[in-house]
PDB file of N, CA and C in Angstrom:
ATOM      1  N   MET A   1      -1.124  39.954 -25.260  1.00  0.00           N
ATOM      2  CA  MET A   1      -2.401  39.363 -25.496  1.00  0.00           C
ATOM      3  C   MET A   1      -2.123  37.926 -25.403  1.00  0.00           C
ATOM      4  N   ARG A   2      -0.794  37.748 -26.607  1.00  0.00           N
ATOM      5  CA  ARG A   2      -0.646  36.182 -26.422  1.00  0.00           C
ATOM      6  C   ARG A   2       0.114  35.841 -25.361  1.00  0.00           C
ATOM      7  N   TRP A   3       0.983  36.672 -24.584  1.00  0.00           N
ATOM      8  CA  TRP A   3       1.331  36.163 -23.116  1.00  0.00           C
ATOM      9  C   TRP A   3       0.040  35.694 -22.390  1.00  0.00           C
ATOM     10  N   LEU A   4      -1.051  36.613 -22.176  1.00  0.00           N
ATOM     11  CA  LEU A   4      -2.069  35.991 -21.358  1.00  0.00           C
ATOM     12  C   LEU A   4      -2.543  34.597 -21.877  1.00  0.00           C
ATOM     13  N   PHE A   5      -2.733  34.542 -23.073  1.00  0.00           N
ATOM     14  CA  PHE A   5      -3.030  33.231 -23.569  1.00  0.00           C
ATOM     15  C   PHE A   5      -2.339  32.284 -23.188  1.00  0.00           C
ATOM     16  N   THR A   6      -1.043  32.163 -23.514  1.00  0.00           N
ATOM     17  CA  THR A   6      -0.253  31.397 -22.999  1.00  0.00           C
ATOM     18  C   THR A   6      -0.145  31.059 -21.576  1.00  0.00           C
ATOM     19  N   PHE A   7      -0.236  31.799 -20.699  1.00  0.00           N
ATOM     20  CA  PHE A   7      -0.717  31.925 -19.426  1.00  0.00           C
ATOM     21  C   PHE A   7      -1.935  31.044 -18.649  1.00  0.00           C
ATOM     22  N   PHE A   8      -2.953  31.485 -19.722  1.00  0.00           N
ATOM     23  CA  PHE A   8      -4.522  30.603 -18.675  1.00  0.00           C
ATOM     24  C   PHE A   8      -4.087  28.957 -19.444  1.00  0.00           C
ATOM     25  N   VAL A   9      -3.323  28.976 -20.891  1.00  0.00           N
ATOM     26  CA  VAL A   9      -3.099  27.646 -21.213  1.00  0.00           C
ATOM     27  C   VAL A   9      -2.573  26.654 -20.405  1.00  0.00           C
ATOM     28  N   ILE A  10      -0.857  27.187 -19.889  1.00  0.00           N
ATOM     29  CA  ILE A  10      -0.399  26.583 -18.882  1.00  0.00           C
ATOM     30  C   ILE A  10      -0.798  26.449 -17.696  1.00  0.00           C
ATOM     31  N   TYR A  11      -1.878  27.322 -17.082  1.00  0.00           N
ATOM     32  CA  TYR A  11      -2.174  27.326 -15.748  1.00  0.00           C
ATOM     33  C   TYR A  11      -3.547  25.887 -16.007  1.00  0.00           C
ATOM     34  N   ASN A  12      -3.851  25.770 -17.010  1.00  0.00           N
ATOM     35  CA  ASN A  12      -5.093  25.176 -17.234  1.00  0.00           C
ATOM     36  C   ASN A  12      -4.508  23.641 -17.282  1.00  0.00           C
ATOM     37  N   ILE A  13      -3.355  23.363 -18.010  1.00  0.00           N
ATOM     38  CA  ILE A  13      -2.708  22.393 -17.696  1.00  0.00           C
ATOM     39  C   ILE A  13      -2.336  21.801 -16.831  1.00  0.00           C
ATOM     40  N   PHE A  14      -1.740  22.683 -15.587  1.00  0.00           N
ATOM     41  CA  PHE A  14      -1.462  22.275 -14.217  1.00  0.00           C
ATOM     42  C   PHE A  14      -2.481  22.054 -13.282  1.00  0.00           C
ATOM     43  N   THR A  15      -3.462  22.765 -13.279  1.00  0.00           N
ATOM     44  CA  THR A  15      -4.414  22.847 -12.500  1.00  0.00           C
ATOM     45  C   THR A  15      -5.845  21.800 -13.029  1.00  0.00           C
ATOM     46  N   TYR A  16      -6.110  21.373 -13.987  1.00  0.00           N
ATOM     47  CA  TYR A  16      -7.212  20.538 -14.550  1.00  0.00           C
ATOM     48  C   TYR A  16      -6.712  19.472 -15.143  1.00  0.00           C
ATOM     49  N   ASN A  17      -5.203  19.045 -15.227  1.00  0.00           N
ATOM     50  CA  ASN A  17      -5.182  17.816 -15.957  1.00  0.00           C
ATOM     51  C   ASN A  17      -4.658  16.911 -14.952  1.00  0.00           C
ATOM     52  N   THR A  18      -4.703  17.181 -13.789  1.00  0.00           N
ATOM     53  CA  THR A  18      -4.174  16.404 -12.802  1.00  0.00           C
ATOM     54  C   THR A  18      -5.165  15.378 -12.670  1.00  0.00           C
ATOM     55  N   GLN A  19      -4.442  14.143 -12.620  1.00  0.00           N
ATOM     56  CA  GLN A  19      -5.417  12.876 -12.059  1.00  0.00           C
ATOM     57  C   GLN A  19      -5.764  12.913 -10.778  1.00  0.00           C
ATOM     58  N   THR A  20      -6.610  12.301 -10.488  1.00  0.00           N
ATOM     59  CA  THR A  20      -6.820  12.178  -8.874  1.00  0.00           C
ATOM     60  C   THR A  20      -6.594  10.560  -8.558  1.00  0.00           C
ATOM     61  N   THR A  21      -6.004  10.610  -7.764  1.00  0.00           N
ATOM     62  CA  THR A  21      -5.750   9.110  -7.357  1.00  0.00           C
ATOM     63  C   THR A  21      -7.041   8.580  -6.443  1.00  0.00           C
ATOM     64  N   ALA A  22      -7.412   7.550  -7.073  1.00  0.00           N
ATOM     65  CA  ALA A  22      -8.720   6.757  -6.012  1.00  0.00           C
ATOM     66  C   ALA A  22      -8.267   6.259  -4.533  1.00  0.00           C
ATOM     67  N   ALA A  23      -8.918   6.594  -3.730  1.00  0.00           N
ATOM     68  CA  ALA A  23      -8.759   6.557  -2.355  1.00  0.00           C
ATOM     69  C   ALA A  23      -8.454   4.877  -2.451  1.00  0.00           C
ATOM     70  N   ALA A  24      -7.809   4.481  -1.424  1.00  0.00           N
ATOM     71  CA  ALA A  24      -7.658   3.157  -1.001  1.00  0.00           C
ATOM     72  C   ALA A  24      -9.095   2.270  -0.386  1.00  0.00           C
ATOM     73  N   ASP A  25      -9.200   1.448  -1.252  1.00  0.00           N
ATOM     74  CA  ASP A  25     -10.613   0.598  -0.572  1.00  0.00           C
ATOM     75  C   ASP A  25     -10.015  -0.437   0.334  1.00  0.00           C
ATOM     76  N   LEU A  26     -10.441   0.313   2.089  1.00  0.00           N
ATOM     77  CA  LEU A  26      -9.631  -0.682   2.776  1.00  0.00           C
ATOM     78  C   LEU A  26     -10.837  -2.213   3.138  1.00  0.00           C
ATOM     79  N   ASN A  27     -11.899  -2.216   2.509  1.00  0.00           N
ATOM     80  CA  ASN A  27     -12.883  -2.996   2.776  1.00  0.00           C
ATOM     81  C   ASN A  27     -12.334  -4.274   1.470  1.00  0.00           C
ATOM     82  N   ALA A  28     -11.786  -3.959   0.674  1.00  0.00           N
ATOM     83  CA  ALA A  28     -11.261  -4.468  -0.336  1.00  0.00           C
ATOM     84  C   ALA A  28      -9.831  -5.073   0.443  1.00  0.00           C
ATOM     85  N   GLY A  29      -9.121  -4.458   0.617  1.00  0.00           N
ATOM     86  CA  GLY A  29      -7.882  -4.735   1.436  1.00  0.00           C
ATOM     87  C   GLY A  29      -7.911  -5.778   2.412  1.00  0.00           C
ATOM     88  N   GLU A  30      -8.885  -5.645   3.421  1.00  0.00           N
ATOM     89  CA  GLU A  30      -9.470  -6.841   4.372  1.00  0.00           C
ATOM     90  C   GLU A  30      -9.702  -7.985   4.004  1.00  0.00           C
ATOM     91  N   GLN A  31     -10.183  -7.768   2.573  1.00  0.00           N
ATOM     92  CA  GLN A  31     -11.028  -9.062   2.212  1.00  0.00           C
ATOM     93  C   GLN A  31      -9.691  -9.873   1.297  1.00  0.00           C
ATOM     94  N   ILE A  32      -8.780  -8.947   0.585  1.00  0.00           N
ATOM     95  CA  ILE A  32      -7.318  -9.576   0.068  1.00  0.00           C
ATOM     96  C   ILE A  32      -6.683 -10.270   1.299  1.00  0.00           C
ATOM     97  N   PHE A  33      -6.479  -9.294   2.139  1.00  0.00           N
ATOM     98  CA  PHE A  33      -5.625  -9.389   3.536  1.00  0.00           C
ATOM     99  C   PHE A  33      -6.217 -11.308   4.086  1.00  0.00           C
ATOM    100  N   SER A  34      -7.370 -10.912   3.866  1.00  0.00           N
ATOM    101  CA  SER A  34      -8.029 -12.644   4.739  1.00  0.00           C
ATOM    102  C   SER A  34      -7.694 -13.585   4.140  1.00  0.00           C
ATOM    103  N   ALA A  35      -8.248 -13.901   2.469  1.00  0.00           N
ATOM    104  CA  ALA A  35      -7.799 -14.427   1.493  1.00  0.00           C
ATOM    105  C   ALA A  35      -6.359 -15.064   1.461  1.00  0.00           C
ATOM    106  N   ASN A  36      -5.098 -13.816   1.611  1.00  0.00           N
ATOM    107  CA  ASN A  36      -4.168 -14.341   1.226  1.00  0.00           C
ATOM    108  C   ASN A  36      -3.062 -14.100   2.136  1.00  0.00           C
ATOM    109  N   CYS A  37      -3.429 -13.635   3.248  1.00  0.00           N
ATOM    110  CA  CYS A  37      -2.269 -13.242   4.079  1.00  0.00           C
ATOM    111  C   CYS A  37      -2.446 -13.526   5.849  1.00  0.00           C
ATOM    112  N   SER A  38      -3.656 -13.711   5.873  1.00  0.00           N
ATOM    113  CA  SER A  38      -4.052 -14.194   7.227  1.00  0.00           C
ATOM    114  C   SER A  38      -3.232 -15.399   7.724  1.00  0.00           C
ATOM    115  N   ALA A  39      -3.289 -16.271   6.784  1.00  0.00           N
ATOM    116  CA  ALA A  39      -2.432 -17.695   7.349  1.00  0.00           C
ATOM    117  C   ALA A  39      -1.273 -17.209   7.960  1.00  0.00           C
ATOM    118  N   CYS A  40      -0.473 -16.248   7.738  1.00  0.00           N
ATOM    119  CA  CYS A  40       1.103 -16.164   7.988  1.00  0.00           C
ATOM    120  C   CYS A  40       0.996 -14.933   9.455  1.00  0.00           C
ATOM    121  N   HIS A  41      -0.143 -13.983   8.812  1.00  0.00           N
ATOM    122  CA  HIS A  41      -0.229 -12.545   9.405  1.00  0.00           C
ATOM    123  C   HIS A  41      -1.622 -12.523  10.179  1.00  0.00           C
ATOM    124  N   ALA A  42      -1.952 -13.391  10.709  1.00  0.00           N
ATOM    125  CA  ALA A  42      -3.530 -13.211  11.686  1.00  0.00           C
ATOM    126  C   ALA A  42      -3.012 -11.918  12.746  1.00  0.00           C
ATOM    127  N   GLY A  43      -3.799 -11.022  12.776  1.00  0.00           N
ATOM    128  CA  GLY A  43      -3.708 -10.251  14.137  1.00  0.00           C
ATOM    129  C   GLY A  43      -2.291  -8.985  13.659  1.00  0.00           C
ATOM    130  N   GLY A  44      -1.758  -9.028  12.680  1.00  0.00           N
ATOM    131  CA  GLY A  44      -0.473  -8.296  12.696  1.00  0.00           C
ATOM    132  C   GLY A  44       0.334  -9.349  12.881  1.00  0.00           C
ATOM    133  N   ASN A  45       0.487 -10.373  13.732  1.00  0.00           N
ATOM    134  CA  ASN A  45       1.710 -11.304  13.836  1.00  0.00           C
ATOM    135  C   ASN A  45       2.213 -12.177  12.341  1.00  0.00           C
ATOM    136  N   ASN A  46       3.555 -12.752  12.977  1.00  0.00           N
ATOM    137  CA  ASN A  46       4.154 -13.376  11.738  1.00  0.00           C
ATOM    138  C   ASN A  46       4.289 -14.870  12.276  1.00  0.00           C
ATOM    139  N   ALA A  47       3.772 -16.055  11.866  1.00  0.00           N
ATOM    140  CA  ALA A  47       3.759 -17.114  11.962  1.00  0.00           C
ATOM    141  C   ALA A  47       5.088 -17.632  11.769  1.00  0.00           C
ATOM    142  N   ILE A  48       5.856 -17.328  10.493  1.00  0.00           N
ATOM    143  CA  ILE A  48       6.938 -17.820   9.870  1.00  0.00           C
ATOM    144  C   ILE A  48       8.070 -17.390  10.841  1.00  0.00           C
ATOM    145  N   MET A  49       8.261 -15.763  11.075  1.00  0.00           N
ATOM    146  CA  MET A  49       9.387 -15.151  11.571  1.00  0.00           C
ATOM    147  C   MET A  49       8.671 -14.754  12.487  1.00  0.00           C
ATOM    148  N   PRO A  50       8.709 -14.989  13.853  1.00  0.00           N
ATOM    149  CA  PRO A  50       7.567 -14.314  14.814  1.00  0.00           C
ATOM    150  C   PRO A  50       8.169 -12.688  15.018  1.00  0.00           C
ATOM    151  N   ASP A  51       9.526 -12.381  14.939  1.00  0.00           N
ATOM    152  CA  ASP A  51      10.287 -11.047  15.014  1.00  0.00           C
ATOM    153  C   ASP A  51       9.591  -9.988  13.912  1.00  0.00           C
ATOM    154  N   LYS A  52       9.401 -10.398  12.908  1.00  0.00           N
ATOM    155  CA  LYS A  52       8.558  -9.535  11.843  1.00  0.00           C
ATOM    156  C   LYS A  52       7.266  -9.690  11.726  1.00  0.00           C
ATOM    157  N   THR A  53       6.763  -8.851  12.675  1.00  0.00           N
ATOM    158  CA  THR A  53       5.270  -8.700  12.469  1.00  0.00           C
ATOM    159  C   THR A  53       4.871  -7.458  11.840  1.00  0.00           C
ATOM    160  N   LEU A  54       3.381  -7.133  11.524  1.00  0.00           N
ATOM    161  CA  LEU A  54       3.110  -5.955  11.004  1.00  0.00           C
ATOM    162  C   LEU A  54       2.500  -5.116  12.063  1.00  0.00           C
ATOM    163  N   LYS A  55       3.377  -5.119  12.985  1.00  0.00           N
ATOM    164  CA  LYS A  55       2.764  -4.131  14.458  1.00  0.00           C
ATOM    165  C   LYS A  55       3.421  -2.613  13.805  1.00  0.00           C
ATOM    166  N   ASN A  56       3.109  -2.008  14.315  1.00  0.00           N
ATOM    167  CA  ASN A  56       3.695  -0.413  13.791  1.00  0.00           C
ATOM    168  C   ASN A  56       4.909  -0.298  14.306  1.00  0.00           C
ATOM    169  N   ASP A  57       5.447  -0.802  15.545  1.00  0.00           N
ATOM    170  CA  ASP A  57       6.633  -0.403  15.849  1.00  0.00           C
ATOM    171  C   ASP A  57       7.418  -1.343  15.428  1.00  0.00           C
ATOM    172  N   VAL A  58       7.471  -2.358  14.675  1.00  0.00           N
ATOM    173  CA  VAL A  58       8.477  -3.630  14.004  1.00  0.00           C
ATOM    174  C   VAL A  58       8.182  -2.880  12.947  1.00  0.00           C
ATOM    175  N   LEU A  59       7.348  -2.279  11.796  1.00  0.00           N
ATOM    176  CA  LEU A  59       7.562  -1.745  10.526  1.00  0.00           C
ATOM    177  C   LEU A  59       8.067  -0.706  10.524  1.00  0.00           C
ATOM    178  N   THR A  60       7.838   0.059  11.564  1.00  0.00           N
ATOM    179  CA  THR A  60       9.090   1.499  11.634  1.00  0.00           C
ATOM    180  C   THR A  60      10.066   1.245  11.768  1.00  0.00           C
ATOM    181  N   GLU A  61      10.749   0.314  12.937  1.00  0.00           N
ATOM    182  CA  GLU A  61      12.183  -0.168  13.257  1.00  0.00           C
ATOM    183  C   GLU A  61      12.888  -0.855  11.524  1.00  0.00           C
ATOM    184  N   ASN A  62      11.883  -1.404  11.290  1.00  0.00           N
ATOM    185  CA  ASN A  62      12.415  -2.047   9.492  1.00  0.00           C
ATOM    186  C   ASN A  62      12.231  -1.321   8.445  1.00  0.00           C
ATOM    187  N   LYS A  63      11.607   0.015   8.761  1.00  0.00           N
ATOM    188  CA  LYS A  63      11.667   0.990   7.622  1.00  0.00           C
ATOM    189  C   LYS A  63      10.204   0.406   6.522  1.00  0.00           C
ATOM    190  N   MET A  64       9.691  -0.257   7.326  1.00  0.00           N
ATOM    191  CA  MET A  64       8.536  -0.853   6.397  1.00  0.00           C
ATOM    192  C   MET A  64       6.992   0.033   6.491  1.00  0.00           C
ATOM    193  N   ASN A  65       7.024   1.174   7.355  1.00  0.00           N
ATOM    194  CA  ASN A  65       6.127   1.682   7.391  1.00  0.00           C
ATOM    195  C   ASN A  65       5.451   2.827   6.515  1.00  0.00           C
ATOM    196  N   SER A  66       5.224   2.543   5.314  1.00  0.00           N
ATOM    197  CA  SER A  66       4.869   3.140   4.160  1.00  0.00           C
ATOM    198  C   SER A  66       3.969   2.471   3.013  1.00  0.00           C
ATOM    199  N   ILE A  67       3.235   2.920   2.421  1.00  0.00           N
ATOM    200  CA  ILE A  67       2.606   2.000   1.438  1.00  0.00           C
ATOM    201  C   ILE A  67       3.544   1.518   0.526  1.00  0.00           C
ATOM    202  N   GLU A  68       4.142   2.176   0.121  1.00  0.00           N
ATOM    203  CA  GLU A  68       5.405   1.903  -1.014  1.00  0.00           C
ATOM    204  C   GLU A  68       6.166   0.876  -0.580  1.00  0.00           C
ATOM    205  N   ALA A  69       6.938   0.854   0.570  1.00  0.00           N
ATOM    206  CA  ALA A  69       7.741  -0.333   1.303  1.00  0.00           C
ATOM    207  C   ALA A  69       6.734  -1.616   1.551  1.00  0.00           C
ATOM    208  N   ILE A  70       5.452  -1.477   1.882  1.00  0.00           N
ATOM    209  CA  ILE A  70       4.537  -2.781   1.887  1.00  0.00           C
ATOM    210  C   ILE A  70       4.348  -3.193   0.365  1.00  0.00           C
ATOM    211  N   THR A  71       4.031  -2.349  -0.553  1.00  0.00           N
ATOM    212  CA  THR A  71       3.407  -2.605  -1.393  1.00  0.00           C
ATOM    213  C   THR A  71       4.617  -3.505  -2.175  1.00  0.00           C
ATOM    214  N   ASN A  72       6.164  -3.078  -2.149  1.00  0.00           N
ATOM    215  CA  ASN A  72       6.969  -3.374  -2.815  1.00  0.00           C
ATOM    216  C   ASN A  72       7.101  -5.177  -2.298  1.00  0.00           C
ATOM    217  N   GLN A  73       7.376  -5.185  -1.018  1.00  0.00           N
ATOM    218  CA  GLN A  73       7.456  -6.515  -0.311  1.00  0.00           C
ATOM    219  C   GLN A  73       6.258  -7.519  -0.890  1.00  0.00           C
ATOM    220  N   VAL A  74       5.000  -6.966  -0.977  1.00  0.00           N
ATOM    221  CA  VAL A  74       3.999  -7.733  -1.278  1.00  0.00           C
ATOM    222  C   VAL A  74       4.475  -8.115  -2.748  1.00  0.00           C
ATOM    223  N   LYS A  75       4.449  -7.442  -3.708  1.00  0.00           N
ATOM    224  CA  LYS A  75       4.804  -7.705  -4.745  1.00  0.00           C
ATOM    225  C   LYS A  75       6.173  -8.701  -4.993  1.00  0.00           C
ATOM    226  N   ASN A  76       7.196  -8.043  -4.504  1.00  0.00           N
ATOM    227  CA  ASN A  76       8.297  -8.844  -5.012  1.00  0.00           C
ATOM    228  C   ASN A  76       8.953 -10.151  -3.837  1.00  0.00           C
ATOM    229  N   GLY A  77       8.125 -10.097  -2.623  1.00  0.00           N
ATOM    230  CA  GLY A  77       8.289 -10.791  -1.481  1.00  0.00           C
ATOM    231  C   GLY A  77       9.543 -10.636  -1.094  1.00  0.00           C
ATOM    232  N   LYS A  78      10.163 -11.524  -0.198  1.00  0.00           N
ATOM    233  CA  LYS A  78      11.331 -11.134   0.456  1.00  0.00           C
ATOM    234  C   LYS A  78      12.018 -11.941   1.689  1.00  0.00           C
ATOM    235  N   ASN A  79      13.012 -13.179   1.508  1.00  0.00           N
ATOM    236  CA  ASN A  79      12.863 -14.158   2.531  1.00  0.00           C
ATOM    237  C   ASN A  79      11.834 -15.113   2.394  1.00  0.00           C
ATOM    238  N   ALA A  80      10.617 -15.527   3.741  1.00  0.00           N
ATOM    239  CA  ALA A  80      10.194 -16.078   3.729  1.00  0.00           C
ATOM    240  C   ALA A  80       8.698 -15.893   2.554  1.00  0.00           C
ATOM    241  N   MET A  81       8.886 -14.488   2.685  1.00  0.00           N
ATOM    242  CA  MET A  81       7.500 -14.342   2.167  1.00  0.00           C
ATOM    243  C   MET A  81       7.605 -14.286   0.647  1.00  0.00           C
ATOM    244  N   PRO A  82       6.321 -15.212   0.159  1.00  0.00           N
ATOM    245  CA  PRO A  82       6.608 -15.126  -1.523  1.00  0.00           C
ATOM    246  C   PRO A  82       5.884 -13.876  -2.541  1.00  0.00           C
ATOM    247  N   ALA A  83       6.364 -13.994  -3.426  1.00  0.00           N
ATOM    248  CA  ALA A  83       5.644 -12.908  -4.252  1.00  0.00           C
ATOM    249  C   ALA A  83       4.332 -12.989  -4.879  1.00  0.00           C
ATOM    250  N   PHE A  84       3.882 -11.885  -4.337  1.00  0.00           N
ATOM    251  CA  PHE A  84       2.347 -11.771  -5.006  1.00  0.00           C
ATOM    252  C   PHE A  84       1.930 -10.929  -6.130  1.00  0.00           C
ATOM    253  N   GLY A  85       3.038 -10.753  -6.730  1.00  0.00           N
ATOM    254  CA  GLY A  85       3.153  -9.665  -7.806  1.00  0.00           C
ATOM    255  C   GLY A  85       2.445  -9.968  -8.840  1.00  0.00           C
ATOM    256  N   GLY A  86       2.559 -11.704  -9.267  1.00  0.00           N
ATOM    257  CA  GLY A  86       1.844 -12.595 -10.524  1.00  0.00           C
ATOM    258  C   GLY A  86       0.744 -12.917 -10.086  1.00  0.00           C
ATOM    259  N   ARG A  87       0.347 -13.047  -8.916  1.00  0.00           N
ATOM    260  CA  ARG A  87      -1.045 -13.424  -8.208  1.00  0.00           C
ATOM    261  C   ARG A  87      -2.348 -12.326  -7.820  1.00  0.00           C
ATOM    262  N   LEU A  88      -1.494 -11.158  -7.704  1.00  0.00           N
ATOM    263  CA  LEU A  88      -2.576 -10.317  -7.391  1.00  0.00           C
ATOM    264  C   LEU A  88      -2.550  -8.880  -8.289  1.00  0.00           C
ATOM    265  N   ALA A  89      -3.337  -7.996  -8.604  1.00  0.00           N
ATOM    266  CA  ALA A  89      -3.648  -7.155  -9.293  1.00  0.00           C
ATOM    267  C   ALA A  89      -2.973  -5.804  -8.531  1.00  0.00           C
ATOM    268  N   ASP A  90      -2.289  -4.581  -9.386  1.00  0.00           N
ATOM    269  CA  ASP A  90      -1.415  -3.926  -8.683  1.00  0.00           C
ATOM    270  C   ASP A  90      -2.736  -2.866  -7.681  1.00  0.00           C
ATOM    271  N   GLU A  91      -3.848  -3.059  -8.011  1.00  0.00           N
ATOM    272  CA  GLU A  91      -5.106  -2.194  -7.684  1.00  0.00           C
ATOM    273  C   GLU A  91      -5.016  -3.026  -5.818  1.00  0.00           C
ATOM    274  N   ASP A  92      -5.042  -4.217  -6.162  1.00  0.00           N
ATOM    275  CA  ASP A  92      -5.146  -5.349  -4.926  1.00  0.00           C
ATOM    276  C   ASP A  92      -4.209  -5.199  -3.930  1.00  0.00           C
ATOM    277  N   ILE A  93      -2.991  -5.005  -4.663  1.00  0.00           N
ATOM    278  CA  ILE A  93      -1.753  -5.028  -3.919  1.00  0.00           C
ATOM    279  C   ILE A  93      -1.708  -3.874  -2.927  1.00  0.00           C
ATOM    280  N   GLU A  94      -2.218  -2.564  -3.702  1.00  0.00           N
ATOM    281  CA  GLU A  94      -2.047  -1.445  -3.141  1.00  0.00           C
ATOM    282  C   GLU A  94      -3.431  -1.210  -1.983  1.00  0.00           C
ATOM    283  N   ASN A  95      -4.463  -2.209  -2.019  1.00  0.00           N
ATOM    284  CA  ASN A  95      -5.723  -2.002  -1.132  1.00  0.00           C
ATOM    285  C   ASN A  95      -4.881  -2.733   0.194  1.00  0.00           C
ATOM    286  N   VAL A  96      -4.350  -3.996  -0.024  1.00  0.00           N
ATOM    287  CA  VAL A  96      -4.076  -4.574   0.939  1.00  0.00           C
ATOM    288  C   VAL A  96      -3.061  -4.048   1.696  1.00  0.00           C
ATOM    289  N   ALA A  97      -1.645  -3.095   1.004  1.00  0.00           N
ATOM    290  CA  ALA A  97      -0.933  -2.266   1.786  1.00  0.00           C
ATOM    291  C   ALA A  97      -1.415  -1.126   2.534  1.00  0.00           C
ATOM    292  N   ASN A  98      -2.718  -0.499   2.122  1.00  0.00           N
ATOM    293  CA  ASN A  98      -3.353   0.477   2.749  1.00  0.00           C
ATOM    294  C   ASN A  98      -3.648  -0.159   4.139  1.00  0.00           C
ATOM    295  N   TYR A  99      -4.633  -1.259   3.974  1.00  0.00           N
ATOM    296  CA  TYR A  99      -5.148  -2.108   5.235  1.00  0.00           C
ATOM    297  C   TYR A  99      -4.040  -2.425   5.937  1.00  0.00           C
ATOM    298  N   VAL A 100      -2.917  -3.019   5.491  1.00  0.00           N
ATOM    299  CA  VAL A 100      -1.764  -3.052   6.630  1.00  0.00           C
ATOM    300  C   VAL A 100      -1.233  -1.992   7.291  1.00  0.00           C
ATOM    301  N   LEU A 101      -0.982  -1.027   6.700  1.00  0.00           N
ATOM    302  CA  LEU A 101      -0.702   0.033   7.485  1.00  0.00           C
ATOM    303  C   LEU A 101      -1.638   1.011   8.110  1.00  0.00           C
ATOM    304  N   ASN A 102      -2.826   0.803   7.762  1.00  0.00           N
ATOM    305  CA  ASN A 102      -4.142   1.609   8.630  1.00  0.00           C
ATOM    306  C   ASN A 102      -4.447   0.524   9.702  1.00  0.00           C
ATOM    307  N   LYS A 103      -4.072  -0.765  10.010  1.00  0.00           N
ATOM    308  CA  LYS A 103      -4.221  -1.706  10.901  1.00  0.00           C
ATOM    309  C   LYS A 103      -2.703  -1.442  11.505  1.00  0.00           C
ATOM    310  N   SER A 104      -1.967  -1.327  11.253  1.00  0.00           N
ATOM    311  CA  SER A 104      -0.783  -1.404  12.150  1.00  0.00           C
ATOM    312  C   SER A 104      -0.836   0.012  13.166  1.00  0.00           C
ATOM    313  N   GLU A 105      -1.094   1.201  12.506  1.00  0.00           N
ATOM    314  CA  GLU A 105      -1.263   2.280  12.950  1.00  0.00           C
ATOM    315  C   GLU A 105      -2.613   2.290  14.138  1.00  0.00           C
ATOM    316  N   ASN A 106      -3.504   1.723  13.820  1.00  0.00           N
ATOM    317  CA  ASN A 106      -4.589   1.785  15.078  1.00  0.00           C
ATOM    318  C   ASN A 106      -4.490   0.521  15.939  1.00  0.00           C
ATOM    319  N   GLY A 107      -3.344  -0.121  15.840  1.00  0.00           N
ATOM    320  CA  GLY A 107      -3.033  -1.201  17.096  1.00  0.00           C
ATOM    321  C   GLY A 107      -3.826  -2.621  16.456  1.00  0.00           C
ATOM    322  N   TRP A 108      -4.292  -2.837  15.457  1.00  0.00           N
ATOM    323  CA  TRP A 108      -4.635  -4.415  14.921  1.00  0.00           C
ATOM    324  C   TRP A 108      -5.579  -4.619  15.655  1.00  0.00           C
TER     325      TRP A 108
END
């Protein structure tokens, strides 16, 4: 009986105690992109470094085709891109990363 109780406790911990991650808000990501990123990245292009676009093939080639990679780049900046970690909330950065990846996969 004790074994059965322990099994149910452990089962409930693993099945009911998981947090669901909120789906990314692509509309919010688009607004954040328009307000903060489009000056340099309009249409997925790059006005500063023309070969470093947000197009799917370039993101893939540079191993930037994941939410984690894009989020890291937006938070910390790199080369000519400034860091937005101090200016944007983590949720905003995640939304814009999802927006960028979605747009790149769909051809801007």
